[in-house]
Amino acid sequence: MSGAFDEHFEQARAHATKILSGVADAAMAAGVTCDTVQIEHNHPYKAIIETAKERSCDLIVMASHGRSGIAAVVLGSVTNKVLTHTDVPVLVYH
């Protein structure tokens, strides 16, 4: 790995940790049990599906950016891939 890549990777990891910590804090304040996971994987949709199965999740909740038409086809979508490759129910928030 190059120095620039390593630096970007660490910044991304730190940002994800900060976001997940905020989610966990908000869940705790609301009295909701929350367990966060940060995984590195070449295919994010596979990591989501594998983690949901490993943890016996009964629901995957994901966001949708709402792209449509050619943008949705060209850009692809992790949410769409999860929807089409899992047997765990998926709730998509738009």
C-alpha atoms as a PDB file:
ATOM      1  CA  MET A   1       0.000   0.000   0.000  1.00  0.00           C
ATOM      2  CA  SER A   2       1.175   3.489  -0.729  1.00  0.00           C
ATOM      3  CA  GLY A   3       1.433   6.182   1.929  1.00  0.00           C
ATOM      4  CA  ALA A   4      -1.460   8.171   0.447  1.00  0.00           C
ATOM      5  CA  PHE A   5      -3.669   5.084   0.351  1.00  0.00           C
ATOM      6  CA  ASP A   6      -2.764   4.191   3.941  1.00  0.00           C
ATOM      7  CA  GLU A   7      -3.552   7.717   5.085  1.00  0.00           C
ATOM      8  CA  HIS A   8      -6.909   7.739   3.286  1.00  0.00           C
ATOM      9  CA  PHE A   9      -7.745   4.298   4.678  1.00  0.00           C
ATOM     10  CA  GLU A  10      -7.028   5.414   8.250  1.00  0.00           C
ATOM     11  CA  GLN A  11      -9.084   8.597   7.782  1.00  0.00           C
ATOM     12  CA  ALA A  12     -11.991   6.548   6.461  1.00  0.00           C
ATOM     13  CA  ARG A  13     -11.711   4.113   9.360  1.00  0.00           C
ATOM     14  CA  ALA A  14     -11.628   6.966  11.906  1.00  0.00           C
ATOM     15  CA  HIS A  15     -14.658   8.606  10.268  1.00  0.00           C
ATOM     16  CA  ALA A  16     -16.617   5.326  10.324  1.00  0.00           C
ATOM     17  CA  THR A  17     -15.702   4.808  13.991  1.00  0.00           C
ATOM     18  CA  LYS A  18     -16.976   8.309  14.819  1.00  0.00           C
ATOM     19  CA  ILE A  19     -20.259   7.750  12.956  1.00  0.00           C
ATOM     20  CA  LEU A  20     -20.833   4.337  14.544  1.00  0.00           C
ATOM     21  CA  SER A  21     -20.077   5.734  17.984  1.00  0.00           C
ATOM     22  CA  GLY A  22     -22.713   8.429  17.462  1.00  0.00           C
ATOM     23  CA  VAL A  23     -25.256   5.818  16.396  1.00  0.00           C
ATOM     24  CA  ALA A  24     -24.494   3.677  19.460  1.00  0.00           C
ATOM     25  CA  ASP A  25     -24.803   6.711  21.751  1.00  0.00           C
ATOM     26  CA  ALA A  26     -28.156   7.693  20.223  1.00  0.00           C
ATOM     27  CA  ALA A  27     -29.446   4.130  20.579  1.00  0.00           C
ATOM     28  CA  MET A  28     -28.342   3.975  24.217  1.00  0.00           C
ATOM     29  CA  ALA A  29     -30.031   7.306  24.948  1.00  0.00           C
ATOM     30  CA  ALA A  30     -33.240   5.906  23.444  1.00  0.00           C
ATOM     31  CA  GLY A  31     -32.944   2.697  25.454  1.00  0.00           C
ATOM     32  CA  VAL A  32     -32.339   0.582  22.378  1.00  0.00           C
ATOM     33  CA  THR A  33     -29.751  -2.191  22.295  1.00  0.00           C
ATOM     34  CA  CYS A  34     -27.188  -1.512  19.603  1.00  0.00           C
ATOM     35  CA  ASP A  35     -24.082  -3.384  18.519  1.00  0.00           C
ATOM     36  CA  THR A  36     -21.904  -1.786  15.856  1.00  0.00           C
ATOM     37  CA  VAL A  37     -19.556  -3.587  13.481  1.00  0.00           C
ATOM     38  CA  GLN A  38     -16.894  -2.191  11.185  1.00  0.00           C
ATOM     39  CA  ILE A  39     -15.720  -4.610   8.490  1.00  0.00           C
ATOM     40  CA  GLU A  40     -13.338  -4.239   5.574  1.00  0.00           C
ATOM     41  CA  HIS A  41     -14.416  -6.158   2.476  1.00  0.00           C
ATOM     42  CA  ASN A  42     -13.956  -5.783  -1.282  1.00  0.00           C
ATOM     43  CA  HIS A  43     -17.709  -6.231  -1.775  1.00  0.00           C
ATOM     44  CA  PRO A  44     -19.723  -4.250   0.797  1.00  0.00           C
ATOM     45  CA  TYR A  45     -23.000  -5.990  -0.010  1.00  0.00           C
ATOM     46  CA  LYS A  46     -21.419  -9.374   0.722  1.00  0.00           C
ATOM     47  CA  ALA A  47     -20.045  -8.106   4.038  1.00  0.00           C
ATOM     48  CA  ILE A  48     -23.506  -6.854   5.008  1.00  0.00           C
ATOM     49  CA  ILE A  49     -25.189 -10.146   4.123  1.00  0.00           C
ATOM     50  CA  GLU A  50     -22.507 -12.302   5.762  1.00  0.00           C
ATOM     51  CA  THR A  51     -22.578 -10.220   8.957  1.00  0.00           C
ATOM     52  CA  ALA A  52     -26.378 -10.341   9.139  1.00  0.00           C
ATOM     53  CA  LYS A  53     -26.299 -14.135   8.832  1.00  0.00           C
ATOM     54  CA  GLU A  54     -23.424 -14.567  11.319  1.00  0.00           C
ATOM     55  CA  ARG A  55     -25.317 -12.477  13.872  1.00  0.00           C
ATOM     56  CA  SER A  56     -28.682 -14.130  13.149  1.00  0.00           C
ATOM     57  CA  CYS A  57     -30.257 -10.802  12.255  1.00  0.00           C
ATOM     58  CA  ASP A  58     -33.917 -10.907  11.342  1.00  0.00           C
ATOM     59  CA  LEU A  59     -33.828  -7.573   9.499  1.00  0.00           C
ATOM     60  CA  ILE A  60     -31.307  -5.503   7.529  1.00  0.00           C
ATOM     61  CA  VAL A  61     -32.023  -1.762   7.477  1.00  0.00           C
ATOM     62  CA  MET A  62     -30.450   0.295   4.693  1.00  0.00           C
ATOM     63  CA  ALA A  63     -30.764   3.721   3.146  1.00  0.00           C
ATOM     64  CA  SER A  64     -31.501   4.526  -0.480  1.00  0.00           C
ATOM     65  CA  HIS A  65     -30.187   7.616  -2.219  1.00  0.00           C
ATOM     66  CA  GLY A  66     -33.171   7.477  -4.545  1.00  0.00           C
ATOM     67  CA  ARG A  67     -31.268   7.474  -7.819  1.00  0.00           C
ATOM     68  CA  SER A  68     -33.357   6.389 -10.740  1.00  0.00           C
ATOM     69  CA  GLY A  69     -33.050   5.811 -14.441  1.00  0.00           C
ATOM     70  CA  ILE A  70     -29.606   5.513 -15.963  1.00  0.00           C
ATOM     71  CA  ALA A  71     -27.851   6.796 -12.798  1.00  0.00           C
ATOM     72  CA  ALA A  72     -29.117   3.797 -10.844  1.00  0.00           C
ATOM     73  CA  VAL A  73     -27.970   1.402 -13.569  1.00  0.00           C
ATOM     74  CA  VAL A  74     -24.558   2.956 -14.174  1.00  0.00           C
ATOM     75  CA  LEU A  75     -23.655   3.679 -10.557  1.00  0.00           C
ATOM     76  CA  GLY A  76     -24.996   0.442  -9.125  1.00  0.00           C
ATOM     77  CA  SER A  77     -26.258   0.215  -5.596  1.00  0.00           C
ATOM     78  CA  VAL A  78     -25.119  -1.654  -2.510  1.00  0.00           C
ATOM     79  CA  THR A  79     -28.707  -1.568  -1.286  1.00  0.00           C
ATOM     80  CA  ASN A  80     -29.944  -3.109  -4.534  1.00  0.00           C
ATOM     81  CA  LYS A  81     -27.305  -5.844  -4.361  1.00  0.00           C
ATOM     82  CA  VAL A  82     -28.239  -6.664  -0.778  1.00  0.00           C
ATOM     83  CA  LEU A  83     -31.919  -6.783  -1.754  1.00  0.00           C
ATOM     84  CA  THR A  84     -31.263  -9.197  -4.588  1.00  0.00           C
ATOM     85  CA  HIS A  85     -28.730 -11.468  -2.858  1.00  0.00           C
ATOM     86  CA  THR A  86     -30.123 -12.102   0.625  1.00  0.00           C
ATOM     87  CA  ASP A  87     -32.992 -14.033   2.112  1.00  0.00           C
ATOM     88  CA  VAL A  88     -32.960 -11.812   5.236  1.00  0.00           C
ATOM     89  CA  PRO A  89     -35.749  -9.204   5.049  1.00  0.00           C
ATOM     90  CA  VAL A  90     -34.471  -5.717   4.119  1.00  0.00           C
ATOM     91  CA  LEU A  91     -36.072  -2.410   5.140  1.00  0.00           C
ATOM     92  CA  VAL A  92     -35.000   0.399   2.789  1.00  0.00           C
ATOM     93  CA  TYR A  93     -35.326   3.943   4.099  1.00  0.00           C
ATOM     94  CA  HIS A  94     -35.585   6.698   1.500  1.00  0.00           C
END
